[in-house]
Amino acid sequence: MNAPSLSPAHAAAQTLDRESLTLLVDRFYASVRADELLGPVFEPVLHDRWPAHLARMVDFWCASCKIERGFRGNVYDKHMVLPDMAPAHLARWLQLWRQHTEALFVPAAAARLQAVAVGVARVMHLGWFGELPSREELERLVARHIEQAAAEAA
């Protein structure tokens, strides 16, 4: 899993394009795979299909950010089959996404990516748990998850 590095031009501006989104997706999913909460959920489903999944996720994020067209698929149905999902999984997913977007992008670009991710998380929450949380409720869920993790680490 060698993640590409950004070119010098991207290092300054951090524009949203296929190159920077590929880097984000590669780094983010490397963290997901290594994560003690998320790894066991995704690894059994994707164990031998990670390269194809990462390519599709780059296509998804390019389409979601209106950079390129071409993504076809049903993200919702694919994720509804994941076993034993809990709100903590969504909180951790959003937490990792926030960490990686803030590390790689200028604040405006990171905020744009985070807004899309919160929208995705809201829909997944509805499917898994039967209720559509507000953006603020998801932010509170992430904050609680971070606090709990910090307390457990102490």
C-alpha atoms as a PDB file:
ATOM      1  CA  MET A   1       0.000   0.000   0.000  1.00  0.00           C
ATOM      2  CA  ASN A   2       2.347   2.725  -1.118  1.00  0.00           C
ATOM      3  CA  ALA A   3       0.485   6.018  -1.098  1.00  0.00           C
ATOM      4  CA  PRO A   4       1.373   8.484  -3.812  1.00  0.00           C
ATOM      5  CA  SER A   5       2.865  11.770  -2.722  1.00  0.00           C
ATOM      6  CA  LEU A   6       1.592  15.137  -3.764  1.00  0.00           C
ATOM      7  CA  SER A   7       3.509  17.058  -6.370  1.00  0.00           C
ATOM      8  CA  PRO A   8       5.130  20.337  -5.286  1.00  0.00           C
ATOM      9  CA  ALA A   9       2.269  22.240  -6.909  1.00  0.00           C
ATOM     10  CA  HIS A  10      -0.221  20.473  -4.644  1.00  0.00           C
ATOM     11  CA  ALA A  11       1.883  20.957  -1.539  1.00  0.00           C
ATOM     12  CA  ALA A  12       1.141  24.691  -1.619  1.00  0.00           C
ATOM     13  CA  ALA A  13      -2.492  24.918  -2.728  1.00  0.00           C
ATOM     14  CA  GLN A  14      -3.949  21.506  -1.957  1.00  0.00           C
ATOM     15  CA  THR A  15      -6.582  21.704  -4.656  1.00  0.00           C
ATOM     16  CA  LEU A  16      -9.197  19.012  -4.927  1.00  0.00           C
ATOM     17  CA  ASP A  17      -8.276  16.928  -7.945  1.00  0.00           C
ATOM     18  CA  ARG A  18      -7.814  13.246  -8.765  1.00  0.00           C
ATOM     19  CA  GLU A  19      -4.179  13.227  -7.587  1.00  0.00           C
ATOM     20  CA  SER A  20      -4.887  14.740  -4.179  1.00  0.00           C
ATOM     21  CA  LEU A  21      -8.028  12.640  -3.683  1.00  0.00           C
ATOM     22  CA  THR A  22      -6.079   9.479  -4.544  1.00  0.00           C
ATOM     23  CA  LEU A  23      -3.557  10.364  -1.865  1.00  0.00           C
ATOM     24  CA  LEU A  24      -6.356  11.057   0.628  1.00  0.00           C
ATOM     25  CA  VAL A  25      -8.197   7.815  -0.124  1.00  0.00           C
ATOM     26  CA  ASP A  26      -5.019   5.728   0.076  1.00  0.00           C
ATOM     27  CA  ARG A  27      -3.952   7.227   3.401  1.00  0.00           C
ATOM     28  CA  PHE A  28      -7.445   7.226   4.878  1.00  0.00           C
ATOM     29  CA  TYR A  29      -8.138   3.589   4.050  1.00  0.00           C
ATOM     30  CA  ALA A  30      -4.706   2.528   5.281  1.00  0.00           C
ATOM     31  CA  SER A  31      -5.817   3.996   8.614  1.00  0.00           C
ATOM     32  CA  VAL A  32      -9.205   2.290   8.381  1.00  0.00           C
ATOM     33  CA  ARG A  33      -7.563  -1.069   7.752  1.00  0.00           C
ATOM     34  CA  ALA A  34      -5.203  -0.605  10.718  1.00  0.00           C
ATOM     35  CA  ASP A  35      -7.906   0.729  13.046  1.00  0.00           C
ATOM     36  CA  GLU A  36      -8.944  -1.650  15.828  1.00  0.00           C
ATOM     37  CA  LEU A  37     -12.618  -0.649  15.499  1.00  0.00           C
ATOM     38  CA  LEU A  38     -13.003  -0.265  11.728  1.00  0.00           C
ATOM     39  CA  GLY A  39     -10.466  -2.768  10.429  1.00  0.00           C
ATOM     40  CA  PRO A  40     -12.410  -5.836  11.599  1.00  0.00           C
ATOM     41  CA  VAL A  41     -15.541  -4.542   9.856  1.00  0.00           C
ATOM     42  CA  PHE A  42     -14.008  -3.801   6.464  1.00  0.00           C
ATOM     43  CA  GLU A  43     -11.194  -6.327   6.187  1.00  0.00           C
ATOM     44  CA  PRO A  44     -13.354  -9.486   6.003  1.00  0.00           C
ATOM     45  CA  VAL A  45     -15.504  -7.925   3.285  1.00  0.00           C
ATOM     46  CA  LEU A  46     -12.683  -6.398   1.223  1.00  0.00           C
ATOM     47  CA  HIS A  47      -9.673  -8.560   2.154  1.00  0.00           C
ATOM     48  CA  ASP A  48      -8.722  -9.389  -1.431  1.00  0.00           C
ATOM     49  CA  ARG A  49     -10.464  -6.502  -3.172  1.00  0.00           C
ATOM     50  CA  TRP A  50      -8.835  -3.428  -1.625  1.00  0.00           C
ATOM     51  CA  PRO A  51      -7.169  -2.126  -4.819  1.00  0.00           C
ATOM     52  CA  ALA A  52     -10.466  -2.176  -6.727  1.00  0.00           C
ATOM     53  CA  HIS A  53     -12.291  -0.628  -3.766  1.00  0.00           C
ATOM     54  CA  LEU A  54      -9.753   2.189  -3.438  1.00  0.00           C
ATOM     55  CA  ALA A  55     -10.039   2.969  -7.150  1.00  0.00           C
ATOM     56  CA  ARG A  56     -13.836   3.125  -6.819  1.00  0.00           C
ATOM     57  CA  MET A  57     -13.545   5.358  -3.758  1.00  0.00           C
ATOM     58  CA  VAL A  58     -11.343   7.785  -5.696  1.00  0.00           C
ATOM     59  CA  ASP A  59     -14.012   7.809  -8.421  1.00  0.00           C
ATOM     60  CA  PHE A  60     -16.704   8.353  -5.768  1.00  0.00           C
ATOM     61  CA  TRP A  61     -14.912  11.300  -4.173  1.00  0.00           C
ATOM     62  CA  CYS A  62     -14.100  12.830  -7.571  1.00  0.00           C
ATOM     63  CA  ALA A  63     -17.796  12.648  -8.453  1.00  0.00           C
ATOM     64  CA  SER A  64     -18.918  13.860  -5.020  1.00  0.00           C
ATOM     65  CA  CYS A  65     -16.649  16.895  -5.301  1.00  0.00           C
ATOM     66  CA  LYS A  66     -17.765  17.528  -8.901  1.00  0.00           C
ATOM     67  CA  ILE A  67     -14.245  17.057 -10.244  1.00  0.00           C
ATOM     68  CA  GLU A  68     -15.081  14.220 -12.625  1.00  0.00           C
ATOM     69  CA  ARG A  69     -18.107  12.239 -13.622  1.00  0.00           C
ATOM     70  CA  GLY A  70     -18.180   8.546 -14.059  1.00  0.00           C
ATOM     71  CA  PHE A  71     -18.854   6.960 -10.694  1.00  0.00           C
ATOM     72  CA  ARG A  72     -21.633   4.427 -10.950  1.00  0.00           C
ATOM     73  CA  GLY A  73     -22.720   2.357  -8.020  1.00  0.00           C
ATOM     74  CA  ASN A  74     -24.940   2.103  -5.000  1.00  0.00           C
ATOM     75  CA  VAL A  75     -22.828   3.114  -2.012  1.00  0.00           C
ATOM     76  CA  TYR A  76     -25.780   2.775   0.339  1.00  0.00           C
ATOM     77  CA  ASP A  77     -26.644  -0.840  -0.510  1.00  0.00           C
ATOM     78  CA  LYS A  78     -23.001  -1.919  -0.447  1.00  0.00           C
ATOM     79  CA  HIS A  79     -22.572  -0.573   3.075  1.00  0.00           C
ATOM     80  CA  MET A  80     -25.881  -1.836   4.459  1.00  0.00           C
ATOM     81  CA  VAL A  81     -24.495  -5.402   4.388  1.00  0.00           C
ATOM     82  CA  LEU A  82     -21.664  -4.586   6.817  1.00  0.00           C
ATOM     83  CA  PRO A  83     -22.203  -6.596  10.005  1.00  0.00           C
ATOM     84  CA  ASP A  84     -22.588  -5.351  13.564  1.00  0.00           C
ATOM     85  CA  MET A  85     -22.453  -1.638  12.813  1.00  0.00           C
ATOM     86  CA  ALA A  86     -22.773   0.775  15.722  1.00  0.00           C
ATOM     87  CA  PRO A  87     -22.752   4.578  15.928  1.00  0.00           C
ATOM     88  CA  ALA A  88     -19.162   4.375  17.190  1.00  0.00           C
ATOM     89  CA  HIS A  89     -18.123   3.020  13.770  1.00  0.00           C
ATOM     90  CA  LEU A  90     -19.501   6.102  12.032  1.00  0.00           C
ATOM     91  CA  ALA A  91     -17.919   8.367  14.614  1.00  0.00           C
ATOM     92  CA  ARG A  92     -14.520   6.748  14.122  1.00  0.00           C
ATOM     93  CA  TRP A  93     -14.875   6.851  10.320  1.00  0.00           C
ATOM     94  CA  LEU A  94     -15.649  10.578  10.482  1.00  0.00           C
ATOM     95  CA  GLN A  95     -12.842  11.172  12.980  1.00  0.00           C
ATOM     96  CA  LEU A  96     -10.267   9.507  10.727  1.00  0.00           C
ATOM     97  CA  TRP A  97     -11.644  11.317   7.672  1.00  0.00           C
ATOM     98  CA  ARG A  98     -11.342  14.637   9.490  1.00  0.00           C
ATOM     99  CA  GLN A  99      -7.769  13.892  10.548  1.00  0.00           C
ATOM    100  CA  HIS A 100      -6.683  13.011   7.030  1.00  0.00           C
ATOM    101  CA  THR A 101      -8.513  15.848   5.271  1.00  0.00           C
ATOM    102  CA  GLU A 102      -7.098  18.402   7.713  1.00  0.00           C
ATOM    103  CA  ALA A 103      -3.593  16.988   7.299  1.00  0.00           C
ATOM    104  CA  LEU A 104      -3.656  17.080   3.503  1.00  0.00           C
ATOM    105  CA  PHE A 105      -5.787  20.062   2.513  1.00  0.00           C
ATOM    106  CA  VAL A 106      -6.150  23.747   3.162  1.00  0.00           C
ATOM    107  CA  PRO A 107      -9.094  24.461   5.503  1.00  0.00           C
ATOM    108  CA  ALA A 108     -11.643  25.279   2.776  1.00  0.00           C
ATOM    109  CA  ALA A 109     -10.932  22.072   0.841  1.00  0.00           C
ATOM    110  CA  ALA A 110     -10.898  19.993   4.035  1.00  0.00           C
ATOM    111  CA  ALA A 111     -14.230  21.501   5.099  1.00  0.00           C
ATOM    112  CA  ARG A 112     -15.748  20.676   1.710  1.00  0.00           C
ATOM    113  CA  LEU A 113     -14.636  17.042   1.972  1.00  0.00           C
ATOM    114  CA  GLN A 114     -15.849  16.813   5.562  1.00  0.00           C
ATOM    115  CA  ALA A 115     -19.268  18.201   4.626  1.00  0.00           C
ATOM    116  CA  VAL A 116     -19.681  15.508   1.975  1.00  0.00           C
ATOM    117  CA  ALA A 117     -18.560  12.824   4.444  1.00  0.00           C
ATOM    118  CA  VAL A 118     -21.075  14.001   7.038  1.00  0.00           C
ATOM    119  CA  GLY A 119     -23.801  13.765   4.399  1.00  0.00           C
ATOM    120  CA  VAL A 120     -22.747  10.201   3.594  1.00  0.00           C
ATOM    121  CA  ALA A 121     -22.613   9.329   7.303  1.00  0.00           C
ATOM    122  CA  ARG A 122     -26.118  10.720   7.865  1.00  0.00           C
ATOM    123  CA  VAL A 123     -27.542   8.454   5.170  1.00  0.00           C
ATOM    124  CA  MET A 124     -25.653   5.425   6.477  1.00  0.00           C
ATOM    125  CA  HIS A 125     -26.869   6.191  10.006  1.00  0.00           C
ATOM    126  CA  LEU A 126     -30.438   6.243   8.704  1.00  0.00           C
ATOM    127  CA  GLY A 127     -29.989   2.876   7.031  1.00  0.00           C
ATOM    128  CA  TRP A 128     -28.269   1.150   9.925  1.00  0.00           C
ATOM    129  CA  PHE A 129     -30.090   2.688  12.872  1.00  0.00           C
ATOM    130  CA  GLY A 130     -33.402   3.965  11.480  1.00  0.00           C
ATOM    131  CA  GLU A 131     -32.949   7.668  12.154  1.00  0.00           C
ATOM    132  CA  LEU A 132     -31.473  10.559  10.226  1.00  0.00           C
ATOM    133  CA  PRO A 133     -29.268  12.576  12.570  1.00  0.00           C
ATOM    134  CA  SER A 134     -28.612  16.251  11.996  1.00  0.00           C
ATOM    135  CA  ARG A 135     -25.121  17.345  11.096  1.00  0.00           C
ATOM    136  CA  GLU A 136     -24.788  18.720  14.621  1.00  0.00           C
ATOM    137  CA  GLU A 137     -25.800  15.377  16.146  1.00  0.00           C
ATOM    138  CA  LEU A 138     -23.100  13.637  14.130  1.00  0.00           C
ATOM    139  CA  GLU A 139     -20.536  16.203  15.266  1.00  0.00           C
ATOM    140  CA  ARG A 140     -21.522  15.506  18.880  1.00  0.00           C
ATOM    141  CA  LEU A 141     -21.214  11.761  18.234  1.00  0.00           C
ATOM    142  CA  VAL A 142     -17.673  12.256  16.945  1.00  0.00           C
ATOM    143  CA  ALA A 143     -16.785  14.489  19.903  1.00  0.00           C
ATOM    144  CA  ARG A 144     -18.104  11.870  22.362  1.00  0.00           C
ATOM    145  CA  HIS A 145     -16.144   9.146  20.585  1.00  0.00           C
ATOM    146  CA  ILE A 146     -12.938  11.194  20.807  1.00  0.00           C
ATOM    147  CA  GLU A 147     -13.544  11.875  24.511  1.00  0.00           C
ATOM    148  CA  GLN A 148     -14.203   8.195  25.240  1.00  0.00           C
ATOM    149  CA  ALA A 149     -11.098   7.102  23.382  1.00  0.00           C
ATOM    150  CA  ALA A 150      -9.014   9.646  25.286  1.00  0.00           C
ATOM    151  CA  ALA A 151     -10.466   8.497  28.606  1.00  0.00           C
ATOM    152  CA  GLU A 152      -9.752   4.849  27.792  1.00  0.00           C
ATOM    153  CA  ALA A 153      -6.179   5.692  26.799  1.00  0.00           C
ATOM    154  CA  ALA A 154      -5.540   7.573  30.053  1.00  0.00           C
END
